[in-house]
């Protein structure tokens, strides 16, 4: 049940049902909505389409984020605008076209995030009724964080829980999502009370959901893979040295997953993908590591992507395309990609539990 309390700035805070009017308020008082709690989940983002200009707008927003690329603007922006964005929208668009949900005319990430949000909303409604509003936004592209914060405030959300769907904290993911959320709040005349959800990389239900996904995948194989590769999104090695905890959290997730599965040390390799630019990134690089495994005689491998809450371009095209090809080209024979947790029931249970934990004190 919602922890209802009088609305700030009103005479007695009681809204007359069906009218949107406060009891004892003058007729000229603007209508108000029944107080709600908002849960706003956020993911990285998606282009509106895979054509050149849609890709360029999306990549420009993404690669202009100082949390993502922290080079000096006077060096980076000319390179980005004149070189990278004149070419990369074509190649990125071609990759998106390969995985695009043509039936719904949207990226898989958008489709999956919608499904996750719907299931989370159903879970919370079953326990708390209509007093909790659940929606989603994207850090880059649409629906924007600004538009969803505005919609929640207009709907009467006096408290908003902001949940970046990243199991592991990184400045380029969780932090930039929070930055955008707070920038959106700056535009609101009446700011709601807010909380942000911290990383959940070691939450027991998250680890359980990962383990179940591995067990299901392995149960469908004639032969067990020689190695399970846990491929995480990469970042420059420099970020680790500057205090970003992402690398350590990824290592712990792999260890907890291995322990839950009851496997011996060495059964899961932790690697990093999506290297970009001239700097050294976290190693080992997934694309190189899987090729080396094949050369060492590990002919059957499985790959899981624990840092991604939903399948996207980095998993559907990079892992199941480029990384698979590197393994097979080096002599590998059996490559199994284990899908992200997406809207799997165990994953929804984990996300809902994290949300409930963070709503403590806001719900009775």
Protein backbone atom coordinates (compact mmCIF):
# COMPACT_ATOMS: atom_id res chain seq x y z
CA UNK A 1 0.00 0.00 0.00
CA UNK A 2 1.24 3.50 -0.74
CA UNK A 3 2.51 5.62 2.09
CA UNK A 4 0.06 8.45 1.41
CA UNK A 5 0.74 11.84 2.89
CA UNK A 6 -0.56 15.38 2.35
CA UNK A 7 0.73 17.10 -0.77
CA UNK A 8 3.15 19.90 -0.11
CA UNK A 9 1.74 23.38 -0.62
CA UNK A 10 -1.93 22.48 -0.31
CA UNK A 11 -4.51 23.23 2.39
CA UNK A 12 -5.11 19.68 3.52
CA UNK A 13 -3.80 17.57 0.65
CA UNK A 14 -7.09 15.71 0.06
CA UNK A 15 -8.03 15.32 -3.58
CA UNK A 16 -11.73 14.88 -4.29
CA UNK A 17 -12.03 11.59 -6.25
CA UNK A 18 -12.81 12.03 -9.94
CA UNK A 19 -12.32 15.80 -9.91
CA UNK A 20 -8.62 16.43 -9.52
CA UNK A 21 -9.62 19.23 -7.14
CA UNK A 22 -8.30 19.74 -3.63
CA UNK A 23 -10.92 19.90 -0.90
CA UNK A 24 -11.39 23.47 0.35
CA UNK A 25 -9.26 24.86 -2.48
CA UNK A 26 -10.63 27.82 -4.46
CA UNK A 27 -12.21 27.08 -7.84
CA UNK A 28 -9.30 28.82 -9.55
CA UNK A 29 -6.76 26.32 -8.16
CA UNK A 30 -5.27 24.16 -10.93
CA UNK A 31 -6.24 20.48 -10.93
CA UNK A 32 -3.87 18.07 -9.17
CA UNK A 33 -3.43 14.34 -9.53
CA UNK A 34 -3.48 11.69 -6.84
CA UNK A 35 0.06 11.23 -5.55
CA UNK A 36 1.99 8.32 -7.06
CA UNK A 37 5.43 6.78 -6.91
CA UNK A 38 7.28 6.53 -10.21
CA UNK A 39 9.77 3.81 -11.14
CA UNK A 40 11.76 4.88 -14.19
CA UNK A 41 14.05 2.21 -15.64
CA UNK A 42 16.73 3.34 -18.07
CA UNK A 43 18.83 1.66 -20.70
CA UNK A 44 21.61 2.85 -22.99
CA UNK A 45 19.63 3.83 -26.04
CA UNK A 46 18.83 3.07 -29.63
CA UNK A 47 18.71 4.84 -32.97
CA UNK A 48 15.23 5.52 -34.37
CA UNK A 49 16.20 3.64 -37.52
CA UNK A 50 19.28 2.31 -39.28
CA UNK A 51 19.45 4.93 -42.05
CA UNK A 52 22.40 7.31 -42.21
CA UNK A 53 20.83 10.35 -40.51
CA UNK A 54 19.15 8.36 -37.73
CA UNK A 55 22.47 6.65 -37.01
CA UNK A 56 24.38 9.91 -37.17
CA UNK A 57 22.07 11.63 -34.66
CA UNK A 58 22.32 8.69 -32.29
CA UNK A 59 26.10 8.26 -32.58
CA UNK A 60 26.67 11.99 -32.23
CA UNK A 61 24.73 12.08 -28.96
CA UNK A 62 26.45 8.95 -27.68
CA UNK A 63 30.02 9.80 -28.68
CA UNK A 64 29.72 13.44 -27.59
CA UNK A 65 29.06 12.35 -24.00
CA UNK A 66 32.09 13.23 -21.89
CA UNK A 67 31.41 10.20 -19.71
CA UNK A 68 31.88 7.98 -22.77
CA UNK A 69 34.78 9.74 -24.47
CA UNK A 70 36.61 12.11 -22.14
CA UNK A 71 39.14 13.57 -24.57
CA UNK A 72 39.38 17.35 -24.86
CA UNK A 73 36.56 18.66 -27.04
CA UNK A 74 38.89 20.68 -29.25
CA UNK A 75 40.65 17.45 -30.22
CA UNK A 76 37.72 15.03 -30.20
CA UNK A 77 34.88 17.01 -31.76
CA UNK A 78 36.60 17.83 -35.10
CA UNK A 79 37.60 14.17 -35.41
CA UNK A 80 34.11 13.02 -34.49
CA UNK A 81 32.18 15.42 -36.71
CA UNK A 82 34.44 15.43 -39.76
CA UNK A 83 35.77 11.86 -39.85
CA UNK A 84 33.95 9.38 -37.64
CA UNK A 85 30.40 10.60 -38.25
CA UNK A 86 30.94 10.79 -42.00
CA UNK A 87 31.68 7.05 -42.16
CA UNK A 88 30.54 5.17 -39.08
CA UNK A 89 26.77 5.72 -39.54
CA UNK A 90 26.97 3.60 -42.70
CA UNK A 91 28.76 0.64 -41.08
CA UNK A 92 26.79 0.86 -37.83
CA UNK A 93 23.55 1.15 -39.77
CA UNK A 94 24.37 -1.97 -41.76
CA UNK A 95 25.00 -3.86 -38.52
CA UNK A 96 21.74 -2.63 -37.00
CA UNK A 97 19.87 -3.69 -40.15
CA UNK A 98 21.07 -7.27 -39.57
CA UNK A 99 19.43 -7.46 -36.14
CA UNK A 100 16.55 -4.98 -36.57
CA UNK A 101 13.07 -5.98 -35.45
CA UNK A 102 11.47 -5.30 -38.83
CA UNK A 103 8.03 -6.40 -37.68
CA UNK A 104 7.87 -3.63 -35.07
CA UNK A 105 10.35 -1.35 -36.86
CA UNK A 106 12.55 -0.91 -33.82
CA UNK A 107 15.81 -2.20 -32.40
CA UNK A 108 15.80 -5.39 -30.31
CA UNK A 109 16.95 -3.36 -27.30
CA UNK A 110 13.81 -1.24 -27.51
CA UNK A 111 11.56 -4.27 -27.93
CA UNK A 112 13.11 -6.06 -24.97
CA UNK A 113 13.11 -3.00 -22.71
CA UNK A 114 9.39 -2.54 -23.40
CA UNK A 115 8.76 -6.18 -22.45
CA UNK A 116 10.85 -5.85 -19.28
CA UNK A 117 9.01 -2.70 -18.25
CA UNK A 118 5.61 -4.26 -18.83
CA UNK A 119 6.46 -7.31 -16.71
CA UNK A 120 7.95 -5.22 -13.90
CA UNK A 121 4.83 -3.03 -13.93
CA UNK A 122 2.60 -6.10 -13.71
CA UNK A 123 4.63 -7.45 -10.79
CA UNK A 124 4.45 -4.19 -8.83
CA UNK A 125 0.78 -3.59 -9.64
CA UNK A 126 -0.11 -7.01 -8.27
CA UNK A 127 1.42 -6.00 -4.92
CA UNK A 128 0.81 -2.26 -4.75
CA UNK A 129 -2.07 -1.45 -7.05
CA UNK A 130 -2.15 1.65 -9.24
CA UNK A 131 -0.12 3.78 -6.86
CA UNK A 132 3.16 2.85 -8.57
CA UNK A 133 3.80 4.00 -12.14
CA UNK A 134 6.48 2.11 -14.08
CA UNK A 135 8.00 3.40 -17.31
CA UNK A 136 11.30 3.37 -19.19
CA UNK A 137 13.61 5.79 -20.93
CA UNK A 138 16.86 5.76 -22.89
CA UNK A 139 20.01 7.71 -22.14
CA UNK A 140 20.53 8.32 -25.87
CA UNK A 141 17.78 8.47 -28.45
CA UNK A 142 14.11 7.91 -27.72
CA UNK A 143 12.14 7.83 -25.52
CA UNK A 144 14.30 10.45 -23.86
CA UNK A 145 14.89 10.77 -20.13
CA UNK A 146 13.52 14.33 -20.24
CA UNK A 147 10.22 13.26 -21.78
CA UNK A 148 9.65 10.44 -19.30
CA UNK A 149 10.48 12.51 -16.23
CA UNK A 150 8.05 15.16 -17.49
CA UNK A 151 5.36 12.52 -18.04
CA UNK A 152 5.80 11.12 -14.53
CA UNK A 153 5.58 14.52 -12.90
CA UNK A 154 2.46 15.33 -14.93
CA UNK A 155 0.96 12.00 -13.84
CA UNK A 156 1.35 12.99 -10.19
CA UNK A 157 4.56 11.18 -9.23
CA UNK A 158 5.84 12.96 -6.14
CA UNK A 159 8.60 10.39 -5.71
CA UNK A 160 10.66 8.79 -8.50
CA UNK A 161 13.01 5.84 -8.27
CA UNK A 162 15.48 5.95 -11.16
CA UNK A 163 16.89 2.55 -12.13
CA UNK A 164 19.73 2.32 -14.70
CA UNK A 165 19.56 -1.26 -15.99
CA UNK A 166 23.28 -1.92 -15.60
CA UNK A 167 24.24 -4.68 -13.15
CA UNK A 168 27.74 -3.19 -12.85
CA UNK A 169 28.61 0.42 -12.15
CA UNK A 170 30.64 2.34 -14.70
CA UNK A 171 31.00 6.04 -15.29
CA UNK A 172 30.10 5.55 -18.95
CA UNK A 173 26.84 3.71 -18.15
CA UNK A 174 25.28 4.17 -14.70
CA UNK A 175 26.80 7.58 -14.02
CA UNK A 176 25.86 9.18 -17.32
CA UNK A 177 22.30 7.84 -17.00
CA UNK A 178 22.07 9.45 -13.56
CA UNK A 179 23.55 12.67 -14.93
CA UNK A 180 20.82 12.88 -17.54
CA UNK A 181 18.12 12.12 -14.97
CA UNK A 182 19.27 14.97 -12.75
CA UNK A 183 19.49 17.31 -15.74
CA UNK A 184 15.85 16.47 -16.49
CA UNK A 185 14.90 17.27 -12.90
CA UNK A 186 16.45 20.71 -13.26
CA UNK A 187 13.66 21.61 -15.68
CA UNK A 188 10.84 20.80 -13.28
CA UNK A 189 9.08 23.56 -11.36
CA UNK A 190 8.00 21.07 -8.69
CA UNK A 191 10.78 18.53 -8.29
CA UNK A 192 9.79 15.12 -6.95
CA UNK A 193 11.76 13.38 -4.23
CA UNK A 194 14.16 11.00 -5.96
CA UNK A 195 16.36 7.99 -5.41
CA UNK A 196 18.76 6.23 -7.75
CA UNK A 197 19.38 2.48 -7.76
CA UNK A 198 22.95 1.33 -7.22
CA UNK A 199 24.61 -1.52 -9.11
CA UNK A 200 23.31 -5.02 -8.36
CA UNK A 201 26.11 -7.20 -9.80
CA UNK A 202 26.21 -9.48 -6.75
CA UNK A 203 22.50 -9.64 -5.91
CA UNK A 204 21.63 -13.30 -5.22
CA UNK A 205 18.60 -13.29 -7.53
CA UNK A 206 20.61 -11.77 -10.37
CA UNK A 207 23.31 -14.44 -9.97
CA UNK A 208 20.57 -17.09 -9.80
CA UNK A 209 19.01 -15.83 -13.04
CA UNK A 210 22.40 -15.95 -14.78
CA UNK A 211 23.02 -19.48 -13.51
CA UNK A 212 19.63 -20.69 -14.68
CA UNK A 213 20.27 -19.28 -18.16
CA UNK A 214 23.56 -21.20 -18.35
CA UNK A 215 21.95 -24.41 -17.12
CA UNK A 216 19.15 -24.13 -19.70
CA UNK A 217 21.61 -23.52 -22.52
CA UNK A 218 23.87 -26.40 -21.51
CA UNK A 219 20.91 -28.76 -21.12
CA UNK A 220 20.15 -28.29 -24.81
CA UNK A 221 23.65 -29.16 -26.02
CA UNK A 222 24.84 -32.62 -27.04
CA UNK A 223 28.29 -31.91 -25.58
CA UNK A 224 29.23 -29.56 -22.78
CA UNK A 225 31.45 -26.64 -23.87
CA UNK A 226 35.10 -26.75 -22.83
CA UNK A 227 34.95 -23.19 -21.50
CA UNK A 228 32.31 -20.62 -20.62
CA UNK A 229 33.46 -17.14 -21.60
CA UNK A 230 31.84 -14.28 -19.68
CA UNK A 231 32.23 -11.32 -22.03
CA UNK A 232 31.70 -7.88 -20.50
CA UNK A 233 31.63 -4.54 -22.25
CA UNK A 234 35.10 -3.04 -22.16
CA UNK A 235 36.47 0.31 -21.05
CA UNK A 236 39.88 1.97 -21.18
CA UNK A 237 42.35 0.54 -18.67
CA UNK A 238 42.93 4.13 -17.56
CA UNK A 239 39.41 4.31 -16.09
CA UNK A 240 40.20 1.43 -13.73
CA UNK A 241 43.33 3.21 -12.54
CA UNK A 242 41.27 6.38 -12.00
CA UNK A 243 38.92 4.58 -9.60
CA UNK A 244 36.08 3.12 -11.69
CA UNK A 245 35.00 -0.13 -9.94
CA UNK A 246 33.60 -1.80 -13.07
CA UNK A 247 36.46 -4.25 -13.65
CA UNK A 248 36.39 -5.59 -10.10
CA UNK A 249 32.62 -5.96 -10.13
CA UNK A 250 32.75 -7.96 -13.36
CA UNK A 251 35.34 -10.30 -11.87
CA UNK A 252 33.15 -10.85 -8.82
CA UNK A 253 30.08 -11.63 -10.94
CA UNK A 254 32.04 -14.31 -12.81
CA UNK A 255 33.24 -15.81 -9.52
CA UNK A 256 29.77 -15.82 -7.96
CA UNK A 257 28.30 -17.38 -11.09
CA UNK A 258 30.94 -20.10 -11.08
CA UNK A 259 30.34 -20.83 -7.40
CA UNK A 260 26.58 -20.99 -7.90
CA UNK A 261 27.06 -23.45 -10.78
CA UNK A 262 29.36 -25.53 -8.61
CA UNK A 263 32.22 -25.38 -11.10
CA UNK A 264 35.93 -25.44 -10.38
CA UNK A 265 38.23 -22.46 -10.81
CA UNK A 266 39.16 -21.88 -14.42
CA UNK A 267 35.79 -23.01 -15.78
CA UNK A 268 34.75 -19.42 -16.59
CA UNK A 269 36.99 -16.93 -18.39
CA UNK A 270 36.33 -13.21 -17.91
CA UNK A 271 36.96 -11.09 -21.02
CA UNK A 272 36.07 -7.65 -22.40
CA UNK A 273 34.67 -6.61 -25.77
CA UNK A 274 33.81 -3.53 -27.86
CA UNK A 275 37.26 -1.94 -27.88
CA UNK A 276 37.25 1.55 -29.41
CA UNK A 277 40.07 4.02 -30.08
CA UNK A 278 43.84 3.84 -29.67
CA UNK A 279 44.05 3.37 -25.90
CA UNK A 280 44.67 0.09 -24.13
CA UNK A 281 41.40 -1.30 -22.78
CA UNK A 282 40.62 -3.87 -20.12
CA UNK A 283 42.04 -7.25 -21.12
CA UNK A 284 41.81 -9.93 -22.28
CA UNK A 285 39.90 -8.82 -25.36
CA UNK A 286 37.07 -11.27 -26.09
CA UNK A 287 37.66 -11.42 -29.84
CA UNK A 288 41.33 -12.32 -29.36
CA UNK A 289 40.73 -14.64 -26.41
CA UNK A 290 38.21 -16.89 -28.17
CA UNK A 291 40.59 -17.27 -31.13
CA UNK A 292 43.37 -18.25 -28.73
CA UNK A 293 41.11 -20.81 -27.06
CA UNK A 294 40.47 -22.43 -30.43
CA UNK A 295 44.21 -22.56 -31.15
CA UNK A 296 44.74 -24.21 -27.76
CA UNK A 297 42.34 -27.00 -28.71
CA UNK A 298 39.23 -25.70 -26.97
CA UNK A 299 36.90 -26.53 -29.83
CA UNK A 300 33.61 -25.96 -27.99
CA UNK A 301 32.88 -22.77 -26.09
CA UNK A 302 29.84 -20.89 -24.82
CA UNK A 303 29.70 -17.11 -24.38
CA UNK A 304 27.49 -15.18 -21.96
CA UNK A 305 27.24 -11.39 -21.56
CA UNK A 306 26.42 -10.68 -17.88
CA UNK A 307 26.85 -6.89 -18.09
CA UNK A 308 24.00 -6.47 -20.57
CA UNK A 309 20.46 -6.56 -19.20
CA UNK A 310 19.05 -6.91 -22.72
CA UNK A 311 20.31 -8.21 -26.05
CA UNK A 312 21.52 -5.42 -28.29
CA UNK A 313 23.99 -4.63 -31.06
CA UNK A 314 26.95 -5.62 -28.86
CA UNK A 315 25.55 -9.10 -28.22
CA UNK A 316 23.48 -9.97 -31.28
CA UNK A 317 25.92 -8.64 -33.86
CA UNK A 318 29.31 -8.38 -32.13
CA UNK A 319 29.30 -11.54 -30.00
CA UNK A 320 27.16 -13.71 -32.26
CA UNK A 321 28.83 -12.31 -35.37
CA UNK A 322 32.35 -10.94 -35.15
CA UNK A 323 33.43 -12.89 -32.07
CA UNK A 324 31.86 -16.12 -33.31
CA UNK A 325 33.68 -15.70 -36.63
CA UNK A 326 37.02 -15.14 -34.88
CA UNK A 327 36.58 -18.39 -32.95
CA UNK A 328 35.56 -20.44 -35.99
CA UNK A 329 38.26 -18.93 -38.20
CA UNK A 330 40.88 -20.02 -35.64
CA UNK A 331 39.61 -23.62 -35.72
CA UNK A 332 36.76 -23.59 -33.24
CA UNK A 333 33.93 -25.99 -34.00
CA UNK A 334 31.02 -25.24 -31.65
CA UNK A 335 30.13 -21.71 -30.53
CA UNK A 336 27.09 -21.24 -28.28
CA UNK A 337 25.83 -17.76 -27.47
CA UNK A 338 23.73 -17.67 -24.31
CA UNK A 339 21.19 -14.84 -24.67
CA UNK A 340 20.97 -12.00 -22.17
CA UNK A 341 18.44 -12.35 -19.38
CA UNK A 342 16.02 -10.04 -21.21
CA UNK A 343 12.44 -10.51 -19.92
CA UNK A 344 13.06 -13.99 -18.48
CA UNK A 345 10.91 -14.52 -15.39
CA UNK A 346 13.92 -15.06 -13.10
CA UNK A 347 15.41 -11.78 -14.34
CA UNK A 348 12.17 -9.88 -13.79
CA UNK A 349 12.02 -11.33 -10.27
CA UNK A 350 15.56 -10.09 -9.63
CA UNK A 351 14.88 -6.59 -11.00
CA UNK A 352 11.61 -6.35 -9.07
CA UNK A 353 13.38 -7.37 -5.86
CA UNK A 354 16.01 -4.67 -6.40
CA UNK A 355 13.22 -2.13 -6.95
CA UNK A 356 11.35 -3.24 -3.83
CA UNK A 357 14.53 -2.93 -1.77
CA UNK A 358 15.02 0.62 -3.01
CA UNK A 359 11.40 1.60 -2.36
CA UNK A 360 11.76 0.80 1.33
CA UNK A 361 10.15 3.58 3.32
CA UNK A 362 8.14 4.78 0.34
CA UNK A 363 5.79 1.79 0.41
CA UNK A 364 3.96 0.20 3.29
